[in-house]
Amino acid sequence: MTAASGSKGDAERDRDLMGRAAALADLCPPSETAFSVGCVIAAADGTVLSEGYSRERGPNWHAEEVALAKLRETGTSAQGATLYASLEPCGERKSGRTPCVDHILAAGIARVVYAADEPSLFVEGVGRERLRAAGVPVDHVSGYEDRFRHQNRHLFD
């Protein structure tokens, strides 16, 4: 895939890759039972390894699941990579499917960066706490909250 332009500082790279994840969320078909989310997985140097968005592979697929599945299918390891998600990864799911946090931990993701806290419309947002408890650094990139609410206005209006 591509590298996030040049030798940028970590904060600038985080903003660039989060912008890419937020743009992917625009591709999500709206759902009355799920958020529209985008996800990018990048190597330490900013090279994009995989990306995905909610419902890209079906109505119950989360963005993180899609991006991680694409990595597995190509035989690419996520070990040591950073995952960027426009919404805090889920730590719990009502559908009975595996929460994204479990997929992230199993894949060996080294760091998670997210843009918006998970609203408690469906489940309580416990993803970041579960990741941190497992020793995965979790960082929040501010400035995307309004975009997230707009992308999910079908749930908030």
C-alpha atoms as a PDB file:
ATOM      1  CA  MET A   1       0.000   0.000   0.000  1.00  0.00           C
ATOM      2  CA  THR A   2       1.246   3.552   0.518  1.00  0.00           C
ATOM      3  CA  ALA A   3       3.282   5.445   3.053  1.00  0.00           C
ATOM      4  CA  ALA A   4       1.932   8.456   4.887  1.00  0.00           C
ATOM      5  CA  SER A   5       3.948  11.153   3.138  1.00  0.00           C
ATOM      6  CA  GLY A   6       7.593  11.487   3.978  1.00  0.00           C
ATOM      7  CA  SER A   7       9.283  11.753   7.339  1.00  0.00           C
ATOM      8  CA  LYS A   8       6.553  13.345   9.361  1.00  0.00           C
ATOM      9  CA  GLY A   9       6.415  13.535  13.114  1.00  0.00           C
ATOM     10  CA  ASP A  10       4.284  11.012  14.930  1.00  0.00           C
ATOM     11  CA  ALA A  11       1.515  13.516  15.703  1.00  0.00           C
ATOM     12  CA  GLU A  12       1.275  14.622  12.078  1.00  0.00           C
ATOM     13  CA  ARG A  13       1.315  11.011  10.853  1.00  0.00           C
ATOM     14  CA  ASP A  14      -1.439  10.184  13.363  1.00  0.00           C
ATOM     15  CA  ARG A  15      -3.581  13.061  12.051  1.00  0.00           C
ATOM     16  CA  ASP A  16      -3.002  12.058   8.417  1.00  0.00           C
ATOM     17  CA  LEU A  17      -3.860   8.418   9.008  1.00  0.00           C
ATOM     18  CA  MET A  18      -6.845   9.320  11.165  1.00  0.00           C
ATOM     19  CA  GLY A  19      -8.080  11.551   8.352  1.00  0.00           C
ATOM     20  CA  ARG A  20      -7.821   8.556   6.046  1.00  0.00           C
ATOM     21  CA  ALA A  21      -9.776   6.394   8.514  1.00  0.00           C
ATOM     22  CA  ALA A  22     -12.446   9.111   8.847  1.00  0.00           C
ATOM     23  CA  ALA A  23     -12.744   9.313   5.047  1.00  0.00           C
ATOM     24  CA  LEU A  24     -13.343   5.547   4.892  1.00  0.00           C
ATOM     25  CA  ALA A  25     -16.284   5.955   7.271  1.00  0.00           C
ATOM     26  CA  ASP A  26     -17.968   8.040   4.550  1.00  0.00           C
ATOM     27  CA  LEU A  27     -18.232   4.828   2.488  1.00  0.00           C
ATOM     28  CA  CYS A  28     -20.332   2.988   5.074  1.00  0.00           C
ATOM     29  CA  PRO A  29     -23.936   2.224   4.236  1.00  0.00           C
ATOM     30  CA  PRO A  30     -26.034   3.706   7.073  1.00  0.00           C
ATOM     31  CA  SER A  31     -27.416   1.286   9.639  1.00  0.00           C
ATOM     32  CA  GLU A  32     -29.931   1.837  12.420  1.00  0.00           C
ATOM     33  CA  THR A  33     -28.059  -0.679  14.579  1.00  0.00           C
ATOM     34  CA  ALA A  34     -24.384   0.201  14.024  1.00  0.00           C
ATOM     35  CA  PHE A  35     -21.984   3.110  13.684  1.00  0.00           C
ATOM     36  CA  SER A  36     -20.222   4.124  10.481  1.00  0.00           C
ATOM     37  CA  VAL A  37     -16.505   3.683  11.160  1.00  0.00           C
ATOM     38  CA  GLY A  38     -13.298   3.642   9.134  1.00  0.00           C
ATOM     39  CA  CYS A  39     -10.059   1.848  10.012  1.00  0.00           C
ATOM     40  CA  VAL A  40      -6.467   2.000   8.767  1.00  0.00           C
ATOM     41  CA  ILE A  41      -3.653  -0.282   9.902  1.00  0.00           C
ATOM     42  CA  ALA A  42      -0.147   1.084   9.401  1.00  0.00           C
ATOM     43  CA  ALA A  43       3.405  -0.117   9.974  1.00  0.00           C
ATOM     44  CA  ALA A  44       5.719   1.863  12.261  1.00  0.00           C
ATOM     45  CA  ASP A  45       6.988   3.914   9.304  1.00  0.00           C
ATOM     46  CA  GLY A  46       3.447   4.929   8.309  1.00  0.00           C
ATOM     47  CA  THR A  47       3.104   2.473   5.434  1.00  0.00           C
ATOM     48  CA  VAL A  48      -0.572   1.548   5.142  1.00  0.00           C
ATOM     49  CA  LEU A  49      -0.928  -2.211   5.437  1.00  0.00           C
ATOM     50  CA  SER A  50      -4.725  -2.483   5.286  1.00  0.00           C
ATOM     51  CA  GLU A  51      -7.927  -0.532   5.616  1.00  0.00           C
ATOM     52  CA  GLY A  52     -11.628  -1.141   5.886  1.00  0.00           C
ATOM     53  CA  TYR A  53     -14.963   0.318   6.853  1.00  0.00           C
ATOM     54  CA  SER A  54     -18.056  -0.868   8.664  1.00  0.00           C
ATOM     55  CA  ARG A  55     -20.347  -3.160   6.701  1.00  0.00           C
ATOM     56  CA  GLU A  56     -17.857  -3.397   3.819  1.00  0.00           C
ATOM     57  CA  ARG A  57     -18.181  -7.182   3.948  1.00  0.00           C
ATOM     58  CA  GLY A  58     -21.703  -7.492   5.278  1.00  0.00           C
ATOM     59  CA  PRO A  59     -24.137  -6.019   7.794  1.00  0.00           C
ATOM     60  CA  ASN A  60     -22.350  -7.259  10.943  1.00  0.00           C
ATOM     61  CA  TRP A  61     -18.763  -6.462   9.967  1.00  0.00           C
ATOM     62  CA  HIS A  62     -16.942  -3.733  11.897  1.00  0.00           C
ATOM     63  CA  ALA A  63     -14.207  -1.655  10.249  1.00  0.00           C
ATOM     64  CA  GLU A  64     -11.429  -3.176  12.368  1.00  0.00           C
ATOM     65  CA  GLU A  65     -12.604  -6.706  11.518  1.00  0.00           C
ATOM     66  CA  VAL A  66     -12.507  -5.905   7.804  1.00  0.00           C
ATOM     67  CA  ALA A  67      -9.010  -4.394   7.889  1.00  0.00           C
ATOM     68  CA  LEU A  68      -7.617  -7.254   9.985  1.00  0.00           C
ATOM     69  CA  ALA A  69      -9.290  -9.894   7.779  1.00  0.00           C
ATOM     70  CA  LYS A  70      -7.692  -8.346   4.693  1.00  0.00           C
ATOM     71  CA  LEU A  71      -4.278  -8.606   6.370  1.00  0.00           C
ATOM     72  CA  ARG A  72      -4.820 -12.273   7.223  1.00  0.00           C
ATOM     73  CA  GLU A  73      -5.939 -13.024   3.662  1.00  0.00           C
ATOM     74  CA  THR A  74      -2.715 -11.590   2.236  1.00  0.00           C
ATOM     75  CA  GLY A  75      -0.546 -13.262   4.867  1.00  0.00           C
ATOM     76  CA  THR A  76       0.604  -9.880   6.175  1.00  0.00           C
ATOM     77  CA  SER A  77       1.327  -9.658   9.875  1.00  0.00           C
ATOM     78  CA  ALA A  78      -0.193  -6.916  12.018  1.00  0.00           C
ATOM     79  CA  GLN A  79       2.440  -7.536  14.689  1.00  0.00           C
ATOM     80  CA  GLY A  80       3.772  -4.173  15.874  1.00  0.00           C
ATOM     81  CA  ALA A  81       1.428  -2.119  13.684  1.00  0.00           C
ATOM     82  CA  THR A  82      -0.755   0.810  14.701  1.00  0.00           C
ATOM     83  CA  LEU A  83      -4.506   0.650  14.161  1.00  0.00           C
ATOM     84  CA  TYR A  84      -6.361   3.908  13.452  1.00  0.00           C
ATOM     85  CA  ALA A  85     -10.134   3.878  13.941  1.00  0.00           C
ATOM     86  CA  SER A  86     -12.580   6.743  13.640  1.00  0.00           C
ATOM     87  CA  LEU A  87     -14.393   5.292  16.695  1.00  0.00           C
ATOM     88  CA  GLU A  88     -13.008   3.636  19.810  1.00  0.00           C
ATOM     89  CA  PRO A  89     -12.815  -0.108  19.012  1.00  0.00           C
ATOM     90  CA  CYS A  90     -15.631  -2.084  20.574  1.00  0.00           C
ATOM     91  CA  GLY A  91     -14.893  -4.108  23.666  1.00  0.00           C
ATOM     92  CA  GLU A  92     -18.340  -5.685  23.707  1.00  0.00           C
ATOM     93  CA  ARG A  93     -20.906  -6.634  21.037  1.00  0.00           C
ATOM     94  CA  LYS A  94     -24.610  -7.350  21.344  1.00  0.00           C
ATOM     95  CA  SER A  95     -24.585  -9.391  18.115  1.00  0.00           C
ATOM     96  CA  GLY A  96     -22.601 -12.187  19.738  1.00  0.00           C
ATOM     97  CA  ARG A  97     -19.708 -11.660  17.311  1.00  0.00           C
ATOM     98  CA  THR A  98     -16.172 -11.285  18.626  1.00  0.00           C
ATOM     99  CA  PRO A  99     -15.454  -7.737  19.839  1.00  0.00           C
ATOM    100  CA  CYS A 100     -12.880  -5.784  17.854  1.00  0.00           C
ATOM    101  CA  VAL A 101     -10.623  -5.535  20.913  1.00  0.00           C
ATOM    102  CA  ASP A 102     -10.238  -9.325  20.873  1.00  0.00           C
ATOM    103  CA  HIS A 103      -9.326  -9.266  17.155  1.00  0.00           C
ATOM    104  CA  ILE A 104      -6.812  -6.452  17.801  1.00  0.00           C
ATOM    105  CA  LEU A 105      -5.152  -8.299  20.674  1.00  0.00           C
ATOM    106  CA  ALA A 106      -4.980 -11.580  18.736  1.00  0.00           C
ATOM    107  CA  ALA A 107      -3.361  -9.798  15.768  1.00  0.00           C
ATOM    108  CA  GLY A 108      -0.545  -8.292  17.839  1.00  0.00           C
ATOM    109  CA  ILE A 109      -1.402  -4.655  17.142  1.00  0.00           C
ATOM    110  CA  ALA A 110       1.094  -2.560  19.144  1.00  0.00           C
ATOM    111  CA  ARG A 111      -0.882   0.686  19.421  1.00  0.00           C
ATOM    112  CA  VAL A 112      -4.414   1.935  18.826  1.00  0.00           C
ATOM    113  CA  VAL A 113      -5.358   5.493  17.889  1.00  0.00           C
ATOM    114  CA  TYR A 114      -9.015   6.521  17.796  1.00  0.00           C
ATOM    115  CA  ALA A 115     -10.972   9.704  17.078  1.00  0.00           C
ATOM    116  CA  ALA A 116     -14.290   9.458  18.941  1.00  0.00           C
ATOM    117  CA  ASP A 117     -15.332   7.783  22.180  1.00  0.00           C
ATOM    118  CA  GLU A 118     -17.943   5.076  21.651  1.00  0.00           C
ATOM    119  CA  PRO A 119     -21.350   6.544  22.534  1.00  0.00           C
ATOM    120  CA  SER A 120     -23.468   4.305  24.756  1.00  0.00           C
ATOM    121  CA  LEU A 121     -26.265   3.888  22.198  1.00  0.00           C
ATOM    122  CA  PHE A 122     -25.709   0.133  21.847  1.00  0.00           C
ATOM    123  CA  VAL A 123     -23.110  -0.909  24.438  1.00  0.00           C
ATOM    124  CA  GLU A 124     -20.913   0.897  26.934  1.00  0.00           C
ATOM    125  CA  GLY A 125     -17.593   2.025  25.501  1.00  0.00           C
ATOM    126  CA  VAL A 126     -15.087  -0.266  27.208  1.00  0.00           C
ATOM    127  CA  GLY A 127     -12.697  -0.853  24.318  1.00  0.00           C
ATOM    128  CA  ARG A 128      -9.931   1.518  25.328  1.00  0.00           C
ATOM    129  CA  GLU A 129      -9.960   0.248  28.918  1.00  0.00           C
ATOM    130  CA  ARG A 130      -9.696  -3.367  27.771  1.00  0.00           C
ATOM    131  CA  LEU A 131      -6.828  -2.522  25.407  1.00  0.00           C
ATOM    132  CA  ARG A 132      -4.927  -0.581  28.061  1.00  0.00           C
ATOM    133  CA  ALA A 133      -5.466  -3.382  30.597  1.00  0.00           C
ATOM    134  CA  ALA A 134      -3.837  -5.731  28.062  1.00  0.00           C
ATOM    135  CA  GLY A 135      -0.847  -3.378  27.764  1.00  0.00           C
ATOM    136  CA  VAL A 136      -1.701  -1.812  24.397  1.00  0.00           C
ATOM    137  CA  PRO A 137      -1.124   1.961  24.296  1.00  0.00           C
ATOM    138  CA  VAL A 138      -4.278   3.810  23.244  1.00  0.00           C
ATOM    139  CA  ASP A 139      -4.248   7.413  22.038  1.00  0.00           C
ATOM    140  CA  HIS A 140      -7.070   9.792  21.192  1.00  0.00           C
ATOM    141  CA  VAL A 141      -6.799  12.219  18.263  1.00  0.00           C
ATOM    142  CA  SER A 142      -9.141  15.151  18.796  1.00  0.00           C
ATOM    143  CA  GLY A 143     -10.901  17.207  16.169  1.00  0.00           C
ATOM    144  CA  TYR A 144     -12.926  14.452  14.506  1.00  0.00           C
ATOM    145  CA  GLU A 145     -15.889  14.275  16.873  1.00  0.00           C
ATOM    146  CA  ASP A 146     -18.146  16.522  14.744  1.00  0.00           C
ATOM    147  CA  ARG A 147     -17.324  14.527  11.622  1.00  0.00           C
ATOM    148  CA  PHE A 148     -18.151  11.269  13.435  1.00  0.00           C
ATOM    149  CA  ARG A 149     -21.502  12.685  14.609  1.00  0.00           C
ATOM    150  CA  HIS A 150     -22.275  13.860  11.059  1.00  0.00           C
ATOM    151  CA  GLN A 151     -21.384  10.462   9.559  1.00  0.00           C
ATOM    152  CA  ASN A 152     -23.700   8.856  12.109  1.00  0.00           C
ATOM    153  CA  ARG A 153     -26.449  11.484  12.130  1.00  0.00           C
ATOM    154  CA  HIS A 154     -28.958   8.761  11.234  1.00  0.00           C
ATOM    155  CA  LEU A 155     -28.432   7.472  14.793  1.00  0.00           C
ATOM    156  CA  PHE A 156     -28.305  10.803  16.611  1.00  0.00           C
ATOM    157  CA  ASP A 157     -31.096  12.797  14.906  1.00  0.00           C
END
